[in-house]
């Protein structure tokens, strides 16, 4: 994580009203133009319903954010 600049968790809604979550991911942006890494934590393609993925996503986002140098 010493090369990480920032991290953000985000959801990708499946429809325009935002009621159905299609994906939960964490985006890690790296310093010096080294790009972004997307860590998928949930995808509706692989699982039909959310369990604790949203809580886990926020927990990882906070943990990663706290450890960025």
PDB file of N, CA and C in Angstrom:
ATOM      1  N   UNK A   1       0.814  -1.215   0.000  1.00  0.00           N
ATOM      2  CA  UNK A   1       0.000   0.000   0.000  1.00  0.00           C
ATOM      3  C   UNK A   1       0.847   1.264   0.000  1.00  0.00           C
ATOM      4  N   UNK A   2       2.171   1.132   0.101  1.00  0.00           N
ATOM      5  CA  UNK A   2       3.008   2.329   0.130  1.00  0.00           C
ATOM      6  C   UNK A   2       2.952   3.102  -1.194  1.00  0.00           C
ATOM      7  N   UNK A   3       2.527   2.462  -2.279  1.00  0.00           N
ATOM      8  CA  UNK A   3       2.376   3.152  -3.565  1.00  0.00           C
ATOM      9  C   UNK A   3       0.958   3.671  -3.799  1.00  0.00           C
ATOM     10  N   UNK A   4       0.047   3.410  -2.852  1.00  0.00           N
ATOM     11  CA  UNK A   4      -1.346   3.829  -3.027  1.00  0.00           C
ATOM     12  C   UNK A   4      -1.522   5.301  -2.677  1.00  0.00           C
ATOM     13  N   UNK A   5      -2.335   5.973  -3.472  1.00  0.00           N
ATOM     14  CA  UNK A   5      -2.639   7.387  -3.267  1.00  0.00           C
ATOM     15  C   UNK A   5      -3.978   7.564  -2.552  1.00  0.00           C
ATOM     16  N   UNK A   6      -4.982   6.782  -2.970  1.00  0.00           N
ATOM     17  CA  UNK A   6      -6.301   6.863  -2.360  1.00  0.00           C
ATOM     18  C   UNK A   6      -7.075   5.586  -2.627  1.00  0.00           C
ATOM     19  N   UNK A   7      -8.166   5.411  -1.875  1.00  0.00           N
ATOM     20  CA  UNK A   7      -9.065   4.292  -2.139  1.00  0.00           C
ATOM     21  C   UNK A   7     -10.497   4.744  -1.907  1.00  0.00           C
ATOM     22  N   UNK A   8     -11.410   4.157  -2.657  1.00  0.00           N
ATOM     23  CA  UNK A   8     -12.826   4.481  -2.557  1.00  0.00           C
ATOM     24  C   UNK A   8     -13.634   3.222  -2.794  1.00  0.00           C
ATOM     25  N   UNK A   9     -14.696   3.068  -2.024  1.00  0.00           N
ATOM     26  CA  UNK A   9     -15.623   1.983  -2.314  1.00  0.00           C
ATOM     27  C   UNK A   9     -16.762   2.560  -3.134  1.00  0.00           C
ATOM     28  N   UNK A  10     -17.302   1.736  -4.015  1.00  0.00           N
ATOM     29  CA  UNK A  10     -18.416   2.218  -4.829  1.00  0.00           C
ATOM     30  C   UNK A  10     -19.315   1.058  -5.217  1.00  0.00           C
ATOM     31  N   UNK A  11     -20.545   1.416  -5.527  1.00  0.00           N
ATOM     32  CA  UNK A  11     -21.504   0.453  -6.031  1.00  0.00           C
ATOM     33  C   UNK A  11     -21.833   0.829  -7.459  1.00  0.00           C
ATOM     34  N   UNK A  12     -22.172  -0.160  -8.237  1.00  0.00           N
ATOM     35  CA  UNK A  12     -22.619   0.074  -9.605  1.00  0.00           C
ATOM     36  C   UNK A  12     -24.065  -0.396  -9.690  1.00  0.00           C
ATOM     37  N   UNK A  13     -24.998   0.536  -9.774  1.00  0.00           N
ATOM     38  CA  UNK A  13     -26.401   0.113  -9.858  1.00  0.00           C
ATOM     39  C   UNK A  13     -26.711  -0.531 -11.198  1.00  0.00           C
ATOM     40  N   UNK A  14     -27.572  -1.524 -11.148  1.00  0.00           N
ATOM     41  CA  UNK A  14     -27.968  -2.232 -12.359  1.00  0.00           C
ATOM     42  C   UNK A  14     -29.000  -1.434 -13.148  1.00  0.00           C
ATOM     43  N   UNK A  15     -29.787  -0.627 -12.435  1.00  0.00           N
ATOM     44  CA  UNK A  15     -30.806   0.162 -13.120  1.00  0.00           C
ATOM     45  C   UNK A  15     -30.611   1.645 -12.794  1.00  0.00           C
ATOM     46  N   UNK A  16     -31.314   2.502 -13.480  1.00  0.00           N
ATOM     47  CA  UNK A  16     -31.125   3.939 -13.313  1.00  0.00           C
ATOM     48  C   UNK A  16     -31.652   4.481 -11.986  1.00  0.00           C
ATOM     49  N   UNK A  17     -32.559   3.787 -11.346  1.00  0.00           N
ATOM     50  CA  UNK A  17     -33.087   4.267 -10.069  1.00  0.00           C
ATOM     51  C   UNK A  17     -32.137   3.945  -8.923  1.00  0.00           C
ATOM     52  N   UNK A  18     -31.146   3.076  -9.146  1.00  0.00           N
ATOM     53  CA  UNK A  18     -30.149   2.752  -8.129  1.00  0.00           C
ATOM     54  C   UNK A  18     -30.647   1.790  -7.070  1.00  0.00           C
ATOM     55  N   UNK A  19     -31.783   1.158  -7.294  1.00  0.00           N
ATOM     56  CA  UNK A  19     -32.360   0.264  -6.299  1.00  0.00           C
ATOM     57  C   UNK A  19     -31.689  -1.100  -6.253  1.00  0.00           C
ATOM     58  N   UNK A  20     -31.145  -1.541  -7.374  1.00  0.00           N
ATOM     59  CA  UNK A  20     -30.513  -2.855  -7.443  1.00  0.00           C
ATOM     60  C   UNK A  20     -29.010  -2.676  -7.601  1.00  0.00           C
ATOM     61  N   UNK A  21     -28.245  -3.284  -6.710  1.00  0.00           N
ATOM     62  CA  UNK A  21     -26.782  -3.187  -6.777  1.00  0.00           C
ATOM     63  C   UNK A  21     -26.257  -4.319  -7.648  1.00  0.00           C
ATOM     64  N   UNK A  22     -25.520  -3.948  -8.681  1.00  0.00           N
ATOM     65  CA  UNK A  22     -24.940  -4.910  -9.602  1.00  0.00           C
ATOM     66  C   UNK A  22     -23.545  -5.331  -9.145  1.00  0.00           C
ATOM     67  N   UNK A  23     -22.761  -4.357  -8.649  1.00  0.00           N
ATOM     68  CA  UNK A  23     -21.386  -4.637  -8.218  1.00  0.00           C
ATOM     69  C   UNK A  23     -21.001  -3.782  -7.017  1.00  0.00           C
ATOM     70  N   UNK A  24     -20.139  -4.329  -6.166  1.00  0.00           N
ATOM     71  CA  UNK A  24     -19.482  -3.593  -5.089  1.00  0.00           C
ATOM     72  C   UNK A  24     -17.985  -3.748  -5.316  1.00  0.00           C
ATOM     73  N   UNK A  25     -17.274  -2.639  -5.384  1.00  0.00           N
ATOM     74  CA  UNK A  25     -15.832  -2.695  -5.634  1.00  0.00           C
ATOM     75  C   UNK A  25     -15.100  -1.676  -4.765  1.00  0.00           C
ATOM     76  N   UNK A  26     -13.813  -1.893  -4.614  1.00  0.00           N
ATOM     77  CA  UNK A  26     -12.914  -0.904  -4.019  1.00  0.00           C
ATOM     78  C   UNK A  26     -11.922  -0.519  -5.101  1.00  0.00           C
ATOM     79  N   UNK A  27     -11.815   0.786  -5.354  1.00  0.00           N
ATOM     80  CA  UNK A  27     -10.845   1.316  -6.310  1.00  0.00           C
ATOM     81  C   UNK A  27      -9.643   1.840  -5.536  1.00  0.00           C
ATOM     82  N   UNK A  28      -8.456   1.355  -5.871  1.00  0.00           N
ATOM     83  CA  UNK A  28      -7.223   1.865  -5.254  1.00  0.00           C
ATOM     84  C   UNK A  28      -6.450   2.601  -6.342  1.00  0.00           C
ATOM     85  N   UNK A  29      -6.273   3.899  -6.136  1.00  0.00           N
ATOM     86  CA  UNK A  29      -5.520   4.725  -7.084  1.00  0.00           C
ATOM     87  C   UNK A  29      -4.075   4.813  -6.590  1.00  0.00           C
ATOM     88  N   UNK A  30      -3.138   4.603  -7.506  1.00  0.00           N
ATOM     89  CA  UNK A  30      -1.732   4.603  -7.142  1.00  0.00           C
ATOM     90  C   UNK A  30      -1.061   5.936  -7.484  1.00  0.00           C
ATOM     91  N   UNK A  31       0.019   6.213  -6.780  1.00  0.00           N
ATOM     92  CA  UNK A  31       0.790   7.442  -6.977  1.00  0.00           C
ATOM     93  C   UNK A  31       1.516   7.415  -8.315  1.00  0.00           C
ATOM     94  N   UNK A  32       1.944   8.584  -8.745  1.00  0.00           N
ATOM     95  CA  UNK A  32       2.814   8.759  -9.902  1.00  0.00           C
ATOM     96  C   UNK A  32       2.252   8.140 -11.184  1.00  0.00           C
ATOM     97  N   UNK A  33       0.943   8.232 -11.354  1.00  0.00           N
ATOM     98  CA  UNK A  33       0.327   7.757 -12.590  1.00  0.00           C
ATOM     99  C   UNK A  33       0.425   6.265 -12.828  1.00  0.00           C
ATOM    100  N   UNK A  34       0.540   5.489 -11.764  1.00  0.00           N
ATOM    101  CA  UNK A  34       0.675   4.033 -11.913  1.00  0.00           C
ATOM    102  C   UNK A  34      -0.673   3.334 -12.083  1.00  0.00           C
ATOM    103  N   UNK A  35      -1.739   4.105 -12.248  1.00  0.00           N
ATOM    104  CA  UNK A  35      -3.039   3.515 -12.542  1.00  0.00           C
ATOM    105  C   UNK A  35      -3.897   3.246 -11.323  1.00  0.00           C
ATOM    106  N   UNK A  36      -4.943   2.482 -11.559  1.00  0.00           N
ATOM    107  CA  UNK A  36      -5.926   2.146 -10.538  1.00  0.00           C
ATOM    108  C   UNK A  36      -6.155   0.640 -10.545  1.00  0.00           C
ATOM    109  N   UNK A  37      -6.280   0.075  -9.371  1.00  0.00           N
ATOM    110  CA  UNK A  37      -6.612  -1.350  -9.217  1.00  0.00           C
ATOM    111  C   UNK A  37      -8.039  -1.431  -8.705  1.00  0.00           C
ATOM    112  N   UNK A  38      -8.863  -2.224  -9.348  1.00  0.00           N
ATOM    113  CA  UNK A  38     -10.246  -2.410  -8.934  1.00  0.00           C
ATOM    114  C   UNK A  38     -10.366  -3.776  -8.267  1.00  0.00           C
ATOM    115  N   UNK A  39     -10.801  -3.767  -7.001  1.00  0.00           N
ATOM    116  CA  UNK A  39     -10.977  -5.005  -6.256  1.00  0.00           C
ATOM    117  C   UNK A  39     -12.470  -5.313  -6.158  1.00  0.00           C
ATOM    118  N   UNK A  40     -12.973  -6.266  -6.928  1.00  0.00           N
ATOM    119  CA  UNK A  40     -14.394  -6.598  -6.856  1.00  0.00           C
ATOM    120  C   UNK A  40     -14.708  -7.427  -5.610  1.00  0.00           C
ATOM    121  N   UNK A  41     -15.741  -7.027  -4.868  1.00  0.00           N
ATOM    122  CA  UNK A  41     -16.145  -7.763  -3.674  1.00  0.00           C
ATOM    123  C   UNK A  41     -17.521  -8.399  -3.817  1.00  0.00           C
ATOM    124  N   UNK A  42     -18.301  -7.942  -4.764  1.00  0.00           N
ATOM    125  CA  UNK A  42     -19.599  -8.539  -5.048  1.00  0.00           C
ATOM    126  C   UNK A  42     -19.956  -8.286  -6.497  1.00  0.00           C
ATOM    127  N   UNK A  43     -20.532  -9.288  -7.137  1.00  0.00           N
ATOM    128  CA  UNK A  43     -21.051  -9.142  -8.492  1.00  0.00           C
ATOM    129  C   UNK A  43     -22.335  -9.949  -8.586  1.00  0.00           C
ATOM    130  N   UNK A  44     -23.378  -9.331  -9.093  1.00  0.00           N
ATOM    131  CA  UNK A  44     -24.650 -10.032  -9.227  1.00  0.00           C
ATOM    132  C   UNK A  44     -24.564 -11.163 -10.247  1.00  0.00           C
ATOM    133  N   UNK A  45     -23.517 -11.160 -11.070  1.00  0.00           N
ATOM    134  CA  UNK A  45     -23.318 -12.246 -12.025  1.00  0.00           C
ATOM    135  C   UNK A  45     -22.981 -13.550 -11.302  1.00  0.00           C
ATOM    136  N   UNK A  46     -22.338 -13.438 -10.132  1.00  0.00           N
ATOM    137  CA  UNK A  46     -21.892 -14.615  -9.393  1.00  0.00           C
ATOM    138  C   UNK A  46     -22.804 -14.982  -8.229  1.00  0.00           C
ATOM    139  N   UNK A  47     -23.617 -14.030  -7.771  1.00  0.00           N
ATOM    140  CA  UNK A  47     -24.439 -14.255  -6.590  1.00  0.00           C
ATOM    141  C   UNK A  47     -25.743 -13.495  -6.760  1.00  0.00           C
ATOM    142  N   UNK A  48     -26.813 -14.059  -6.307  1.00  0.00           N
ATOM    143  CA  UNK A  48     -28.118 -13.450  -6.516  1.00  0.00           C
ATOM    144  C   UNK A  48     -28.466 -12.350  -5.514  1.00  0.00           C
ATOM    145  N   UNK A  49     -28.008 -12.456  -4.270  1.00  0.00           N
ATOM    146  CA  UNK A  49     -28.400 -11.474  -3.254  1.00  0.00           C
ATOM    147  C   UNK A  49     -27.200 -11.054  -2.409  1.00  0.00           C
ATOM    148  N   UNK A  50     -27.277  -9.836  -1.900  1.00  0.00           N
ATOM    149  CA  UNK A  50     -26.248  -9.331  -1.000  1.00  0.00           C
ATOM    150  C   UNK A  50     -26.457  -9.894   0.395  1.00  0.00           C
ATOM    151  N   UNK A  51     -25.387 -10.287   1.037  1.00  0.00           N
ATOM    152  CA  UNK A  51     -25.444 -10.669   2.441  1.00  0.00           C
ATOM    153  C   UNK A  51     -24.737  -9.571   3.218  1.00  0.00           C
ATOM    154  N   UNK A  52     -23.484  -9.794   3.579  1.00  0.00           N
ATOM    155  CA  UNK A  52     -22.719  -8.813   4.336  1.00  0.00           C
ATOM    156  C   UNK A  52     -21.694  -8.094   3.466  1.00  0.00           C
ATOM    157  N   UNK A  53     -21.789  -8.237   2.140  1.00  0.00           N
ATOM    158  CA  UNK A  53     -20.781  -7.669   1.248  1.00  0.00           C
ATOM    159  C   UNK A  53     -20.645  -6.151   1.381  1.00  0.00           C
ATOM    160  N   UNK A  54     -21.739  -5.442   1.574  1.00  0.00           N
ATOM    161  CA  UNK A  54     -21.666  -3.986   1.678  1.00  0.00           C
ATOM    162  C   UNK A  54     -20.903  -3.573   2.941  1.00  0.00           C
ATOM    163  N   UNK A  55     -21.148  -4.232   4.049  1.00  0.00           N
ATOM    164  CA  UNK A  55     -20.432  -3.953   5.294  1.00  0.00           C
ATOM    165  C   UNK A  55     -18.958  -4.310   5.146  1.00  0.00           C
ATOM    166  N   UNK A  56     -18.679  -5.442   4.536  1.00  0.00           N
ATOM    167  CA  UNK A  56     -17.296  -5.872   4.325  1.00  0.00           C
ATOM    168  C   UNK A  56     -16.561  -4.894   3.408  1.00  0.00           C
ATOM    169  N   UNK A  57     -17.225  -4.411   2.368  1.00  0.00           N
ATOM    170  CA  UNK A  57     -16.616  -3.448   1.454  1.00  0.00           C
ATOM    171  C   UNK A  57     -16.218  -2.177   2.195  1.00  0.00           C
ATOM    172  N   UNK A  58     -17.103  -1.635   3.013  1.00  0.00           N
ATOM    173  CA  UNK A  58     -16.796  -0.420   3.770  1.00  0.00           C
ATOM    174  C   UNK A  58     -15.671  -0.665   4.784  1.00  0.00           C
ATOM    175  N   UNK A  59     -15.670  -1.832   5.398  1.00  0.00           N
ATOM    176  CA  UNK A  59     -14.626  -2.173   6.371  1.00  0.00           C
ATOM    177  C   UNK A  59     -13.251  -2.211   5.694  1.00  0.00           C
ATOM    178  N   UNK A  60     -13.176  -2.857   4.510  1.00  0.00           N
ATOM    179  CA  UNK A  60     -11.911  -2.916   3.771  1.00  0.00           C
ATOM    180  C   UNK A  60     -11.486  -1.531   3.291  1.00  0.00           C
ATOM    181  N   UNK A  61     -12.446  -0.728   2.854  1.00  0.00           N
ATOM    182  CA  UNK A  61     -12.137   0.621   2.411  1.00  0.00           C
ATOM    183  C   UNK A  61     -11.505   1.426   3.545  1.00  0.00           C
ATOM    184  N   UNK A  62     -12.055   1.347   4.744  1.00  0.00           N
ATOM    185  CA  UNK A  62     -11.499   2.063   5.906  1.00  0.00           C
ATOM    186  C   UNK A  62     -10.122   1.531   6.276  1.00  0.00           C
ATOM    187  N   UNK A  63      -9.971   0.198   6.250  1.00  0.00           N
ATOM    188  CA  UNK A  63      -8.687  -0.418   6.611  1.00  0.00           C
ATOM    189  C   UNK A  63      -7.596  -0.006   5.617  1.00  0.00           C
ATOM    190  N   UNK A  64      -7.899  -0.080   4.334  1.00  0.00           N
ATOM    191  CA  UNK A  64      -6.923   0.305   3.307  1.00  0.00           C
ATOM    192  C   UNK A  64      -6.614   1.792   3.419  1.00  0.00           C
ATOM    193  N   UNK A  65      -7.645   2.619   3.544  1.00  0.00           N
ATOM    194  CA  UNK A  65      -7.447   4.070   3.660  1.00  0.00           C
ATOM    195  C   UNK A  65      -6.585   4.457   4.846  1.00  0.00           C
ATOM    196  N   UNK A  66      -6.745   3.752   5.958  1.00  0.00           N
ATOM    197  CA  UNK A  66      -5.953   4.043   7.165  1.00  0.00           C
ATOM    198  C   UNK A  66      -4.495   3.632   7.003  1.00  0.00           C
ATOM    199  N   UNK A  67      -4.209   2.752   6.063  1.00  0.00           N
ATOM    200  CA  UNK A  67      -2.838   2.244   5.891  1.00  0.00           C
ATOM    201  C   UNK A  67      -2.117   2.779   4.678  1.00  0.00           C
ATOM    202  N   UNK A  68      -2.718   3.727   4.006  1.00  0.00           N
ATOM    203  CA  UNK A  68      -2.045   4.342   2.855  1.00  0.00           C
ATOM    204  C   UNK A  68      -0.969   5.293   3.363  1.00  0.00           C
ATOM    205  N   UNK A  69       0.216   5.118   2.839  1.00  0.00           N
ATOM    206  CA  UNK A  69       1.355   5.932   3.289  1.00  0.00           C
ATOM    207  C   UNK A  69       1.328   7.307   2.671  1.00  0.00           C
TER     208      UNK A  69
END
